[in-house]
Amino acid sequence: MNHCQGVLHIVQKGDTLYLLSRRYHIPLWMVLNANPYVNIYNLQVGDEICIPCRIRPREDCCFSDGE
């Protein structure tokens, strides 16, 4: 992935774009817009997914599981 303004997430077993949107607390449409070339029906372990920054960040650009 050439240019990701946010977090670059490496797909793990069981990941879906919906689950990633919930994990990072951003709307699904933002994940979809940031990854126009990703085949949403065939995510593979090791694929790189851009998790974009929130429009109005709280403390950091994006949030992970533990925060």
Protein backbone atom coordinates (compact mmCIF):
# COMPACT_ATOMS: atom_id res chain seq x y z
CA MET A 1 0.00 0.00 0.00
CA ASN A 2 1.57 3.23 -1.15
CA HIS A 3 -0.17 5.93 0.86
CA CYS A 4 -2.25 5.33 3.95
CA GLN A 5 -3.25 8.27 6.11
CA GLY A 6 -3.99 6.28 9.22
CA VAL A 7 -3.07 2.80 10.41
CA LEU A 8 -1.92 0.01 8.12
CA HIS A 9 -3.61 -3.17 9.39
CA ILE A 10 -2.37 -6.62 8.37
CA VAL A 11 -5.35 -8.95 7.94
CA GLN A 12 -5.50 -11.81 10.44
CA LYS A 13 -7.64 -14.93 10.28
CA GLY A 14 -11.30 -13.99 10.81
CA ASP A 15 -10.91 -10.29 10.00
CA THR A 16 -13.62 -8.58 7.96
CA LEU A 17 -13.84 -4.93 7.01
CA TYR A 18 -16.90 -4.61 9.24
CA LEU A 19 -15.04 -6.05 12.24
CA LEU A 20 -12.08 -3.76 11.56
CA SER A 21 -14.38 -0.73 11.41
CA ARG A 22 -15.78 -1.66 14.82
CA ARG A 23 -12.32 -2.42 16.28
CA TYR A 24 -10.93 0.96 15.19
CA HIS A 25 -14.15 2.88 15.96
CA ILE A 26 -14.71 4.27 12.48
CA PRO A 27 -17.63 3.92 10.05
CA LEU A 28 -17.46 1.07 7.58
CA TRP A 29 -17.81 3.48 4.65
CA MET A 30 -14.50 5.13 5.67
CA VAL A 31 -12.70 1.76 5.55
CA LEU A 32 -14.28 0.99 2.17
CA ASN A 33 -13.33 4.41 0.74
CA ALA A 34 -9.74 4.07 1.95
CA ASN A 35 -9.40 0.64 0.27
CA PRO A 36 -11.06 0.90 -3.16
CA TYR A 37 -9.05 -1.95 -4.69
CA VAL A 38 -9.59 -4.50 -1.91
CA ASN A 39 -11.78 -7.47 -2.81
CA ILE A 40 -14.11 -7.39 0.19
CA TYR A 41 -15.31 -10.92 -0.55
CA ASN A 42 -11.83 -12.43 -0.60
CA LEU A 43 -9.69 -10.93 2.17
CA GLN A 44 -6.56 -12.98 2.70
CA VAL A 45 -4.37 -13.30 5.79
CA GLY A 46 -1.48 -10.89 5.26
CA ASP A 47 -3.43 -8.40 3.11
CA GLU A 48 -2.78 -4.77 4.00
CA ILE A 49 -5.84 -2.68 4.86
CA CYS A 50 -5.67 1.07 5.41
CA ILE A 51 -7.60 2.16 8.48
CA PRO A 52 -8.14 5.89 7.93
CA CYS A 53 -8.00 8.55 10.62
CA ARG A 54 -11.20 9.65 12.25
CA ILE A 55 -12.54 13.00 11.11
CA ARG A 56 -12.43 14.27 14.70
CA PRO A 57 -9.79 12.27 16.58
CA ARG A 58 -10.10 11.96 20.34
CA GLU A 59 -6.49 11.57 21.45
CA ASP A 60 -4.68 9.71 18.69
CA CYS A 61 -5.31 9.39 14.98
CA CYS A 62 -6.84 5.94 15.28
CA PHE A 63 -7.66 3.51 18.05
CA SER A 64 -6.63 -0.09 18.50
CA ASP A 65 -8.04 -2.97 20.53
CA GLY A 66 -6.50 -2.03 23.85
CA GLU A 67 -7.47 1.64 23.91
